[in-house]
Amino acid sequence: MLRGRGTLFAPARAVCNTRERILARTIAPQRTDDTDVVVLKDHEALEGMRRAGGLVAETLAVLHAACLPGTTTAALDRLAHDFIVGRGATPSFLGYPGPTPFPGSVCTSVNETIVHGFPGSRALQPGDIISLDVGAILDGWHGDAAITVPVGPVSPKRARLIADTEGALIAAIAVARAGNRLADVSAAIERYGRRRGYGIVREYTGHGIGREMHEAPSVPNVVTRGAGSGPILRPGMTFTIEPIFTLGGADWVVLSDGWATVTTDGSVAAHCEHTIAITPRGAAEILTQVR
């Protein structure tokens, strides 16, 4: 995911710095009705993205198992870094440009931290939940995914928040089919969250992905311009879907480090993400899964 970079739209809080959107310029660029260049991937490109996505999924599985009381977020970061590098890949987030270069290989966002939490000395406590956002570059292709993990037993509300954020991701992937509109994906997330009473973070979105971590299109978690809007989904499109729900309001503020984003009311947040590919027929393919 890693935000603050042009996949934000109409930021409501000026404290969130944005960066220029990066658009890839290779592999069948197509112009959408939103004037963004969307890069359609061919068979060879998709094979590369499957490998990168599979590595991200494996990394998240390793991190999930390590999310135990007493484990520090710095320890999780070292684990992710060594695993990714050990597979011949590069962590996408390490050194990513922003207010300061991002210092970690994984975003570790605990409880009220929505996204972009810095790895550090914080030790996980029983009852915490932690969002783990991982990106990797393998043979020039990017993979990007996130999970939210309970640390030991958590409250029923926190457990349901995690399950429902995952449910929204599944619902959105189900409508990500050739011929549908991008707004159909956003509508599925928004409908799922609204019906269950969650705060839905609007300004942080999914994004296209491929040779660059951030390509067109942006994939909002709410419908921004009405049903049936946005580009038509076409085979070969690859993008991330990443619902973010909170147990309270959706307002947020960026901390003094310039990266970590927390809820203003202190409510906990959950974030889940997959990279997917639109296929010629039937369901989208999840690229960030263990193979």
C-alpha atoms as a PDB file:
ATOM      1  CA  MET A   1       0.000   0.000   0.000  1.00  0.00           C
ATOM      2  CA  LEU A   2       2.309   2.762   1.301  1.00  0.00           C
ATOM      3  CA  ARG A   3       0.459   6.032   0.914  1.00  0.00           C
ATOM      4  CA  GLY A   4       0.908   9.765   0.653  1.00  0.00           C
ATOM      5  CA  ARG A   5       1.434   9.486  -3.049  1.00  0.00           C
ATOM      6  CA  GLY A   6      -1.257  10.487  -5.419  1.00  0.00           C
ATOM      7  CA  THR A   7      -3.576   7.559  -4.856  1.00  0.00           C
ATOM      8  CA  LEU A   8      -5.215   9.831  -2.320  1.00  0.00           C
ATOM      9  CA  PHE A   9      -8.141  11.825  -3.622  1.00  0.00           C
ATOM     10  CA  ALA A  10      -9.515  15.090  -2.152  1.00  0.00           C
ATOM     11  CA  PRO A  11      -7.585  14.779   1.123  1.00  0.00           C
ATOM     12  CA  ALA A  12      -9.617  16.188   3.971  1.00  0.00           C
ATOM     13  CA  ARG A  13      -6.605  16.639   6.235  1.00  0.00           C
ATOM     14  CA  ALA A  14      -3.847  18.908   4.961  1.00  0.00           C
ATOM     15  CA  VAL A  15      -1.320  17.147   7.177  1.00  0.00           C
ATOM     16  CA  CYS A  16      -1.245  14.244   4.740  1.00  0.00           C
ATOM     17  CA  ASN A  17       1.439  14.920   2.144  1.00  0.00           C
ATOM     18  CA  THR A  18       0.846  13.588  -1.356  1.00  0.00           C
ATOM     19  CA  ARG A  19       3.272  12.663  -4.071  1.00  0.00           C
ATOM     20  CA  GLU A  20       2.950  12.565  -7.811  1.00  0.00           C
ATOM     21  CA  ARG A  21       1.227   9.481  -9.202  1.00  0.00           C
ATOM     22  CA  ILE A  22       3.621   7.149 -10.939  1.00  0.00           C
ATOM     23  CA  LEU A  23       2.392   5.752 -14.257  1.00  0.00           C
ATOM     24  CA  ALA A  24       4.063   2.856 -15.999  1.00  0.00           C
ATOM     25  CA  ARG A  25       4.817   3.349 -19.678  1.00  0.00           C
ATOM     26  CA  THR A  26       5.188  -0.194 -20.922  1.00  0.00           C
ATOM     27  CA  ILE A  27       2.993  -3.151 -21.883  1.00  0.00           C
ATOM     28  CA  ALA A  28      -0.077  -2.000 -23.802  1.00  0.00           C
ATOM     29  CA  PRO A  29      -1.061   1.307 -22.195  1.00  0.00           C
ATOM     30  CA  GLN A  30      -4.777   2.012 -22.480  1.00  0.00           C
ATOM     31  CA  ARG A  31      -6.544   5.311 -21.781  1.00  0.00           C
ATOM     32  CA  THR A  32      -9.627   5.099 -19.597  1.00  0.00           C
ATOM     33  CA  ASP A  33     -12.576   7.473 -19.526  1.00  0.00           C
ATOM     34  CA  ASP A  34     -10.878   9.035 -16.480  1.00  0.00           C
ATOM     35  CA  THR A  35      -7.889  10.038 -18.708  1.00  0.00           C
ATOM     36  CA  ASP A  36      -5.486   7.933 -16.642  1.00  0.00           C
ATOM     37  CA  VAL A  37      -3.186   5.567 -18.498  1.00  0.00           C
ATOM     38  CA  VAL A  38      -3.854   1.994 -17.364  1.00  0.00           C
ATOM     39  CA  VAL A  39      -1.243  -0.594 -18.285  1.00  0.00           C
ATOM     40  CA  LEU A  40      -2.737  -3.892 -19.461  1.00  0.00           C
ATOM     41  CA  LYS A  41      -0.524  -6.866 -18.653  1.00  0.00           C
ATOM     42  CA  ASP A  42       0.163  -9.718 -21.046  1.00  0.00           C
ATOM     43  CA  HIS A  43       0.752 -13.366 -20.150  1.00  0.00           C
ATOM     44  CA  GLU A  44       4.459 -12.893 -19.455  1.00  0.00           C
ATOM     45  CA  ALA A  45       3.798  -9.888 -17.235  1.00  0.00           C
ATOM     46  CA  LEU A  46       1.157 -11.744 -15.252  1.00  0.00           C
ATOM     47  CA  GLU A  47       3.536 -14.641 -14.690  1.00  0.00           C
ATOM     48  CA  GLY A  48       6.036 -12.204 -13.205  1.00  0.00           C
ATOM     49  CA  MET A  49       3.377 -10.631 -11.007  1.00  0.00           C
ATOM     50  CA  ARG A  50       2.262 -14.049  -9.766  1.00  0.00           C
ATOM     51  CA  ARG A  51       5.787 -14.757  -8.582  1.00  0.00           C
ATOM     52  CA  ALA A  52       6.095 -11.390  -6.849  1.00  0.00           C
ATOM     53  CA  GLY A  53       2.624 -11.730  -5.343  1.00  0.00           C
ATOM     54  CA  GLY A  54       3.345 -15.241  -4.139  1.00  0.00           C
ATOM     55  CA  LEU A  55       6.442 -13.996  -2.327  1.00  0.00           C
ATOM     56  CA  VAL A  56       4.404 -11.259  -0.622  1.00  0.00           C
ATOM     57  CA  ALA A  57       1.838 -13.851   0.487  1.00  0.00           C
ATOM     58  CA  GLU A  58       4.558 -16.108   1.881  1.00  0.00           C
ATOM     59  CA  THR A  59       6.091 -13.179   3.747  1.00  0.00           C
ATOM     60  CA  LEU A  60       2.754 -12.300   5.316  1.00  0.00           C
ATOM     61  CA  ALA A  61       2.271 -15.912   6.413  1.00  0.00           C
ATOM     62  CA  VAL A  62       5.655 -15.827   8.175  1.00  0.00           C
ATOM     63  CA  LEU A  63       4.802 -12.526   9.859  1.00  0.00           C
ATOM     64  CA  HIS A  64       1.358 -13.739  10.901  1.00  0.00           C
ATOM     65  CA  ALA A  65       2.891 -16.639  12.794  1.00  0.00           C
ATOM     66  CA  ALA A  66       5.298 -14.255  14.566  1.00  0.00           C
ATOM     67  CA  CYS A  67       2.640 -11.849  15.883  1.00  0.00           C
ATOM     68  CA  LEU A  68       2.852 -12.965  19.510  1.00  0.00           C
ATOM     69  CA  PRO A  69       2.741 -10.951  22.725  1.00  0.00           C
ATOM     70  CA  GLY A  70       6.148  -9.426  23.407  1.00  0.00           C
ATOM     71  CA  THR A  71       7.285  -9.404  19.784  1.00  0.00           C
ATOM     72  CA  THR A  72       8.440  -5.950  18.707  1.00  0.00           C
ATOM     73  CA  THR A  73       7.462  -4.382  15.419  1.00  0.00           C
ATOM     74  CA  ALA A  74      11.185  -4.003  14.673  1.00  0.00           C
ATOM     75  CA  ALA A  75      11.567  -7.767  14.987  1.00  0.00           C
ATOM     76  CA  LEU A  76       8.727  -8.263  12.518  1.00  0.00           C
ATOM     77  CA  ASP A  77      10.432  -5.854  10.139  1.00  0.00           C
ATOM     78  CA  ARG A  78      13.731  -7.726  10.318  1.00  0.00           C
ATOM     79  CA  LEU A  79      11.907 -10.975   9.692  1.00  0.00           C
ATOM     80  CA  ALA A  80      10.168  -9.561   6.612  1.00  0.00           C
ATOM     81  CA  HIS A  81      13.348  -7.970   5.263  1.00  0.00           C
ATOM     82  CA  ASP A  82      15.432 -11.120   5.622  1.00  0.00           C
ATOM     83  CA  PHE A  83      12.717 -13.311   4.108  1.00  0.00           C
ATOM     84  CA  ILE A  84      12.226 -11.077   1.061  1.00  0.00           C
ATOM     85  CA  VAL A  85      15.929 -10.519   0.429  1.00  0.00           C
ATOM     86  CA  GLY A  86      16.604 -14.204   0.978  1.00  0.00           C
ATOM     87  CA  ARG A  87      14.293 -14.966  -1.955  1.00  0.00           C
ATOM     88  CA  GLY A  88      16.250 -12.679  -4.258  1.00  0.00           C
ATOM     89  CA  ALA A  89      13.750  -9.808  -4.080  1.00  0.00           C
ATOM     90  CA  THR A  90      13.752  -6.230  -2.814  1.00  0.00           C
ATOM     91  CA  PRO A  91      11.375  -4.789  -0.195  1.00  0.00           C
ATOM     92  CA  SER A  92       9.238  -2.229  -2.030  1.00  0.00           C
ATOM     93  CA  PHE A  93       8.740   0.053   0.956  1.00  0.00           C
ATOM     94  CA  LEU A  94      12.274   0.324   2.350  1.00  0.00           C
ATOM     95  CA  GLY A  95      13.553   3.824   1.625  1.00  0.00           C
ATOM     96  CA  TYR A  96      10.350   4.824  -0.172  1.00  0.00           C
ATOM     97  CA  PRO A  97      10.451   8.615  -0.682  1.00  0.00           C
ATOM     98  CA  GLY A  98       8.259  10.802   1.486  1.00  0.00           C
ATOM     99  CA  PRO A  99       8.647  13.366   4.264  1.00  0.00           C
ATOM    100  CA  THR A 100      11.556  11.112   5.209  1.00  0.00           C
ATOM    101  CA  PRO A 101      12.510   7.865   3.445  1.00  0.00           C
ATOM    102  CA  PHE A 102      10.370   5.079   4.880  1.00  0.00           C
ATOM    103  CA  PRO A 103      12.620   3.232   7.355  1.00  0.00           C
ATOM    104  CA  GLY A 104      11.127  -0.268   7.203  1.00  0.00           C
ATOM    105  CA  SER A 105      10.423  -3.167   4.880  1.00  0.00           C
ATOM    106  CA  VAL A 106       6.895  -3.584   6.256  1.00  0.00           C
ATOM    107  CA  CYS A 107       4.266  -1.193   7.592  1.00  0.00           C
ATOM    108  CA  THR A 108       3.342  -2.255  11.139  1.00  0.00           C
ATOM    109  CA  SER A 109       0.163  -0.424  12.169  1.00  0.00           C
ATOM    110  CA  VAL A 110      -1.103  -1.293  15.647  1.00  0.00           C
ATOM    111  CA  ASN A 111      -4.624  -0.623  16.967  1.00  0.00           C
ATOM    112  CA  GLU A 112      -5.557   3.009  16.189  1.00  0.00           C
ATOM    113  CA  THR A 113      -2.817   3.319  13.550  1.00  0.00           C
ATOM    114  CA  ILE A 114      -4.582   3.044  10.210  1.00  0.00           C
ATOM    115  CA  VAL A 115      -1.581   2.714   7.878  1.00  0.00           C
ATOM    116  CA  HIS A 116       2.156   3.406   7.589  1.00  0.00           C
ATOM    117  CA  GLY A 117       3.166   2.521  11.113  1.00  0.00           C
ATOM    118  CA  PHE A 118       6.943   2.612  11.595  1.00  0.00           C
ATOM    119  CA  PRO A 119       8.612  -0.576  12.832  1.00  0.00           C
ATOM    120  CA  GLY A 120      10.335   0.086  16.135  1.00  0.00           C
ATOM    121  CA  SER A 121      10.615  -0.831  19.789  1.00  0.00           C
ATOM    122  CA  ARG A 122       6.877  -1.204  20.406  1.00  0.00           C
ATOM    123  CA  ALA A 123       6.112  -4.662  21.779  1.00  0.00           C
ATOM    124  CA  LEU A 124       2.823  -6.282  20.887  1.00  0.00           C
ATOM    125  CA  GLN A 125       0.406  -6.782  23.775  1.00  0.00           C
ATOM    126  CA  PRO A 126      -2.368  -9.359  24.225  1.00  0.00           C
ATOM    127  CA  GLY A 127      -5.554  -7.984  22.701  1.00  0.00           C
ATOM    128  CA  ASP A 128      -3.786  -5.769  20.147  1.00  0.00           C
ATOM    129  CA  ILE A 129      -4.518  -5.980  16.456  1.00  0.00           C
ATOM    130  CA  ILE A 130      -1.820  -5.166  13.919  1.00  0.00           C
ATOM    131  CA  SER A 131      -2.012  -4.406  10.207  1.00  0.00           C
ATOM    132  CA  LEU A 132       0.945  -5.795   8.267  1.00  0.00           C
ATOM    133  CA  ASP A 133       1.431  -4.269   4.817  1.00  0.00           C
ATOM    134  CA  VAL A 134       4.122  -5.865   2.630  1.00  0.00           C
ATOM    135  CA  GLY A 135       5.456  -5.032  -0.824  1.00  0.00           C
ATOM    136  CA  ALA A 136       8.179  -6.810  -2.770  1.00  0.00           C
ATOM    137  CA  ILE A 137       9.894  -6.396  -6.133  1.00  0.00           C
ATOM    138  CA  LEU A 138      10.899  -9.635  -7.848  1.00  0.00           C
ATOM    139  CA  ASP A 139      12.429  -9.601 -11.336  1.00  0.00           C
ATOM    140  CA  GLY A 140      11.127  -6.074 -11.811  1.00  0.00           C
ATOM    141  CA  TRP A 141       7.512  -6.822 -10.851  1.00  0.00           C
ATOM    142  CA  HIS A 142       5.730  -5.604  -7.739  1.00  0.00           C
ATOM    143  CA  GLY A 143       3.452  -7.450  -5.342  1.00  0.00           C
ATOM    144  CA  ASP A 144       1.494  -5.709  -2.561  1.00  0.00           C
ATOM    145  CA  ALA A 145      -0.838  -7.082   0.097  1.00  0.00           C
ATOM    146  CA  ALA A 146      -1.885  -6.542   3.703  1.00  0.00           C
ATOM    147  CA  ILE A 147      -3.514  -8.471   6.526  1.00  0.00           C
ATOM    148  CA  THR A 148      -4.714  -7.511   9.992  1.00  0.00           C
ATOM    149  CA  VAL A 149      -3.791  -9.976  12.719  1.00  0.00           C
ATOM    150  CA  PRO A 150      -5.034 -10.424  16.310  1.00  0.00           C
ATOM    151  CA  VAL A 151      -2.367 -10.702  18.996  1.00  0.00           C
ATOM    152  CA  GLY A 152      -3.582 -13.477  21.245  1.00  0.00           C
ATOM    153  CA  PRO A 153      -7.280 -13.420  22.184  1.00  0.00           C
ATOM    154  CA  VAL A 154      -8.956 -10.140  21.207  1.00  0.00           C
ATOM    155  CA  SER A 155     -12.346  -8.651  22.020  1.00  0.00           C
ATOM    156  CA  PRO A 156     -15.334  -9.832  19.962  1.00  0.00           C
ATOM    157  CA  LYS A 157     -15.631  -6.350  18.406  1.00  0.00           C
ATOM    158  CA  ARG A 158     -12.017  -6.402  17.241  1.00  0.00           C
ATOM    159  CA  ALA A 159     -12.312  -9.947  15.929  1.00  0.00           C
ATOM    160  CA  ARG A 160     -15.462  -9.007  14.004  1.00  0.00           C
ATOM    161  CA  LEU A 161     -13.776  -5.890  12.606  1.00  0.00           C
ATOM    162  CA  ILE A 162     -10.972  -8.009  11.171  1.00  0.00           C
ATOM    163  CA  ALA A 163     -13.387 -10.590   9.766  1.00  0.00           C
ATOM    164  CA  ASP A 164     -15.619  -7.942   8.210  1.00  0.00           C
ATOM    165  CA  THR A 165     -12.711  -6.076   6.630  1.00  0.00           C
ATOM    166  CA  GLU A 166     -11.657  -9.371   5.062  1.00  0.00           C
ATOM    167  CA  GLY A 167     -15.276  -9.926   4.027  1.00  0.00           C
ATOM    168  CA  ALA A 168     -15.380  -6.566   2.277  1.00  0.00           C
ATOM    169  CA  LEU A 169     -12.232  -7.473   0.365  1.00  0.00           C
ATOM    170  CA  ILE A 170     -13.779 -10.757  -0.751  1.00  0.00           C
ATOM    171  CA  ALA A 171     -16.998  -8.988  -1.791  1.00  0.00           C
ATOM    172  CA  ALA A 172     -15.066  -6.434  -3.820  1.00  0.00           C
ATOM    173  CA  ILE A 173     -12.972  -9.065  -5.578  1.00  0.00           C
ATOM    174  CA  ALA A 174     -16.181 -10.907  -6.500  1.00  0.00           C
ATOM    175  CA  VAL A 175     -17.417  -7.964  -8.603  1.00  0.00           C
ATOM    176  CA  ALA A 176     -14.018  -7.205 -10.161  1.00  0.00           C
ATOM    177  CA  ARG A 177     -14.940  -8.758 -13.511  1.00  0.00           C
ATOM    178  CA  ALA A 178     -14.326  -7.745 -17.091  1.00  0.00           C
ATOM    179  CA  GLY A 179     -17.097  -5.440 -18.279  1.00  0.00           C
ATOM    180  CA  ASN A 180     -17.974  -4.103 -14.833  1.00  0.00           C
ATOM    181  CA  ARG A 181     -16.947  -0.620 -13.745  1.00  0.00           C
ATOM    182  CA  LEU A 182     -14.346   0.318 -11.188  1.00  0.00           C
ATOM    183  CA  ALA A 183     -17.101   1.963  -9.141  1.00  0.00           C
ATOM    184  CA  ASP A 184     -18.703  -1.480  -8.730  1.00  0.00           C
ATOM    185  CA  VAL A 185     -15.631  -2.507  -6.721  1.00  0.00           C
ATOM    186  CA  SER A 186     -15.819   0.633  -4.587  1.00  0.00           C
ATOM    187  CA  ALA A 187     -19.564   0.187  -4.078  1.00  0.00           C
ATOM    188  CA  ALA A 188     -19.093  -3.363  -2.793  1.00  0.00           C
ATOM    189  CA  ILE A 189     -16.649  -2.160  -0.122  1.00  0.00           C
ATOM    190  CA  GLU A 190     -18.775   0.818   0.884  1.00  0.00           C
ATOM    191  CA  ARG A 191     -21.986  -1.209   1.074  1.00  0.00           C
ATOM    192  CA  TYR A 192     -20.324  -3.913   3.171  1.00  0.00           C
ATOM    193  CA  GLY A 193     -18.916  -1.430   5.651  1.00  0.00           C
ATOM    194  CA  ARG A 194     -21.975   0.833   5.915  1.00  0.00           C
ATOM    195  CA  ARG A 195     -24.325  -2.062   6.611  1.00  0.00           C
ATOM    196  CA  ARG A 196     -22.154  -3.111   9.526  1.00  0.00           C
ATOM    197  CA  GLY A 197     -21.724   0.349  10.980  1.00  0.00           C
ATOM    198  CA  TYR A 198     -17.988   0.848  10.447  1.00  0.00           C
ATOM    199  CA  GLY A 199     -16.080   4.004   9.725  1.00  0.00           C
ATOM    200  CA  ILE A 200     -14.715   3.742   6.168  1.00  0.00           C
ATOM    201  CA  VAL A 201     -11.462   5.525   5.484  1.00  0.00           C
ATOM    202  CA  ARG A 202     -11.987   7.341   2.172  1.00  0.00           C
ATOM    203  CA  GLU A 203      -8.711   9.009   1.380  1.00  0.00           C
ATOM    204  CA  TYR A 204      -6.463   5.950   1.296  1.00  0.00           C
ATOM    205  CA  THR A 205      -7.194   3.815  -1.747  1.00  0.00           C
ATOM    206  CA  GLY A 206      -6.125   0.820  -3.759  1.00  0.00           C
ATOM    207  CA  HIS A 207      -4.050   1.403  -6.884  1.00  0.00           C
ATOM    208  CA  GLY A 208      -2.829  -0.045 -10.124  1.00  0.00           C
ATOM    209  CA  ILE A 209       0.402  -2.002  -9.870  1.00  0.00           C
ATOM    210  CA  GLY A 210       2.937  -3.673 -12.149  1.00  0.00           C
ATOM    211  CA  ARG A 211       6.426  -2.514 -13.059  1.00  0.00           C
ATOM    212  CA  GLU A 212       5.713   0.381 -10.705  1.00  0.00           C
ATOM    213  CA  MET A 213       4.266   0.080  -7.225  1.00  0.00           C
ATOM    214  CA  HIS A 214       1.709   2.766  -7.992  1.00  0.00           C
ATOM    215  CA  GLU A 215       0.021   2.930 -11.361  1.00  0.00           C
ATOM    216  CA  ALA A 216      -3.453   3.959 -12.511  1.00  0.00           C
ATOM    217  CA  PRO A 217      -6.229   3.501 -11.599  1.00  0.00           C
ATOM    218  CA  SER A 218      -6.974   4.550  -8.036  1.00  0.00           C
ATOM    219  CA  VAL A 219      -9.439   2.170  -6.353  1.00  0.00           C
ATOM    220  CA  PRO A 220     -11.432   4.075  -3.689  1.00  0.00           C
ATOM    221  CA  ASN A 221     -13.198   2.380  -0.791  1.00  0.00           C
ATOM    222  CA  VAL A 222     -16.326   4.461  -1.432  1.00  0.00           C
ATOM    223  CA  VAL A 223     -18.148   5.522  -4.594  1.00  0.00           C
ATOM    224  CA  THR A 224     -16.917   9.002  -5.416  1.00  0.00           C
ATOM    225  CA  ARG A 225     -18.834   9.882  -8.587  1.00  0.00           C
ATOM    226  CA  GLY A 226     -21.925   7.716  -8.625  1.00  0.00           C
ATOM    227  CA  ALA A 227     -22.776   4.162  -9.590  1.00  0.00           C
ATOM    228  CA  GLY A 228     -21.445   3.000 -12.934  1.00  0.00           C
ATOM    229  CA  SER A 229     -18.584   5.506 -12.944  1.00  0.00           C
ATOM    230  CA  GLY A 230     -14.907   4.989 -13.478  1.00  0.00           C
ATOM    231  CA  PRO A 231     -13.107   2.942 -16.092  1.00  0.00           C
ATOM    232  CA  ILE A 232     -14.503  -0.280 -17.504  1.00  0.00           C
ATOM    233  CA  LEU A 233     -12.575  -3.249 -16.140  1.00  0.00           C
ATOM    234  CA  ARG A 234     -10.615  -4.948 -18.922  1.00  0.00           C
ATOM    235  CA  PRO A 235      -8.626  -8.192 -19.048  1.00  0.00           C
ATOM    236  CA  GLY A 236      -5.016  -7.526 -18.164  1.00  0.00           C
ATOM    237  CA  MET A 237      -5.735  -4.772 -15.643  1.00  0.00           C
ATOM    238  CA  THR A 238      -3.905  -5.334 -12.356  1.00  0.00           C
ATOM    239  CA  PHE A 239      -4.632  -3.384  -9.200  1.00  0.00           C
ATOM    240  CA  THR A 240      -4.898  -3.633  -5.451  1.00  0.00           C
ATOM    241  CA  ILE A 241      -8.127  -3.595  -3.455  1.00  0.00           C
ATOM    242  CA  GLU A 242      -7.699  -2.563   0.170  1.00  0.00           C
ATOM    243  CA  PRO A 243     -10.670  -1.794   2.426  1.00  0.00           C
ATOM    244  CA  ILE A 244      -9.902   0.042   5.666  1.00  0.00           C
ATOM    245  CA  PHE A 245     -12.586   0.026   8.384  1.00  0.00           C
ATOM    246  CA  THR A 246     -12.610   1.472  11.898  1.00  0.00           C
ATOM    247  CA  LEU A 247     -14.701   0.843  15.001  1.00  0.00           C
ATOM    248  CA  GLY A 248     -15.385   4.573  15.255  1.00  0.00           C
ATOM    249  CA  GLY A 249     -15.081   7.535  12.938  1.00  0.00           C
ATOM    250  CA  ALA A 250     -13.166   7.756   9.683  1.00  0.00           C
ATOM    251  CA  ASP A 251     -11.239  10.952  10.455  1.00  0.00           C
ATOM    252  CA  TRP A 252      -7.478  10.680  10.816  1.00  0.00           C
ATOM    253  CA  VAL A 253      -4.288  12.627  11.350  1.00  0.00           C
ATOM    254  CA  VAL A 254      -0.683  11.983  10.345  1.00  0.00           C
ATOM    255  CA  LEU A 255       1.805  11.865  13.227  1.00  0.00           C
ATOM    256  CA  SER A 256       4.957  13.966  13.456  1.00  0.00           C
ATOM    257  CA  ASP A 257       7.034  11.297  11.678  1.00  0.00           C
ATOM    258  CA  GLY A 258       5.141  12.261   8.520  1.00  0.00           C
ATOM    259  CA  TRP A 259       3.961   8.716   7.833  1.00  0.00           C
ATOM    260  CA  ALA A 260       1.959   6.967  10.576  1.00  0.00           C
ATOM    261  CA  THR A 261      -1.747   7.755  10.213  1.00  0.00           C
ATOM    262  CA  VAL A 262      -4.011   7.326  13.255  1.00  0.00           C
ATOM    263  CA  THR A 263      -7.723   7.706  13.910  1.00  0.00           C
ATOM    264  CA  THR A 264      -8.548  11.020  15.571  1.00  0.00           C
ATOM    265  CA  ASP A 265     -10.984   9.369  17.991  1.00  0.00           C
ATOM    266  CA  GLY A 266      -8.558   6.599  19.002  1.00  0.00           C
ATOM    267  CA  SER A 267     -10.720   3.822  17.567  1.00  0.00           C
ATOM    268  CA  VAL A 268      -8.969   0.752  16.202  1.00  0.00           C
ATOM    269  CA  ALA A 269      -8.670   0.131  12.464  1.00  0.00           C
ATOM    270  CA  ALA A 270      -8.283  -2.903  10.219  1.00  0.00           C
ATOM    271  CA  HIS A 271      -6.781  -3.007   6.732  1.00  0.00           C
ATOM    272  CA  CYS A 272      -6.767  -5.910   4.258  1.00  0.00           C
ATOM    273  CA  GLU A 273      -5.371  -5.931   0.715  1.00  0.00           C
ATOM    274  CA  HIS A 274      -4.814  -8.170  -2.292  1.00  0.00           C
ATOM    275  CA  THR A 275      -3.321  -7.570  -5.706  1.00  0.00           C
ATOM    276  CA  ILE A 276      -5.653  -8.921  -8.400  1.00  0.00           C
ATOM    277  CA  ALA A 277      -5.764  -9.324 -12.182  1.00  0.00           C
ATOM    278  CA  ILE A 278      -8.870  -8.962 -14.344  1.00  0.00           C
ATOM    279  CA  THR A 279      -9.281 -12.085 -16.469  1.00  0.00           C
ATOM    280  CA  PRO A 280     -11.027 -12.568 -19.842  1.00  0.00           C
ATOM    281  CA  ARG A 281     -13.756 -14.683 -18.292  1.00  0.00           C
ATOM    282  CA  GLY A 282     -15.091 -15.187 -14.806  1.00  0.00           C
ATOM    283  CA  ALA A 283     -13.597 -14.241 -11.480  1.00  0.00           C
ATOM    284  CA  ALA A 284     -10.563 -12.034 -10.996  1.00  0.00           C
ATOM    285  CA  GLU A 285      -7.308 -13.798 -10.188  1.00  0.00           C
ATOM    286  CA  ILE A 286      -5.751 -13.079  -6.798  1.00  0.00           C
ATOM    287  CA  LEU A 287      -2.042 -12.619  -7.465  1.00  0.00           C
ATOM    288  CA  THR A 288      -0.987 -12.304  -3.813  1.00  0.00           C
ATOM    289  CA  GLN A 289      -1.585 -15.850  -2.683  1.00  0.00           C
ATOM    290  CA  VAL A 290       0.734 -18.673  -1.708  1.00  0.00           C
ATOM    291  CA  ARG A 291       1.361 -20.912  -4.720  1.00  0.00           C
END
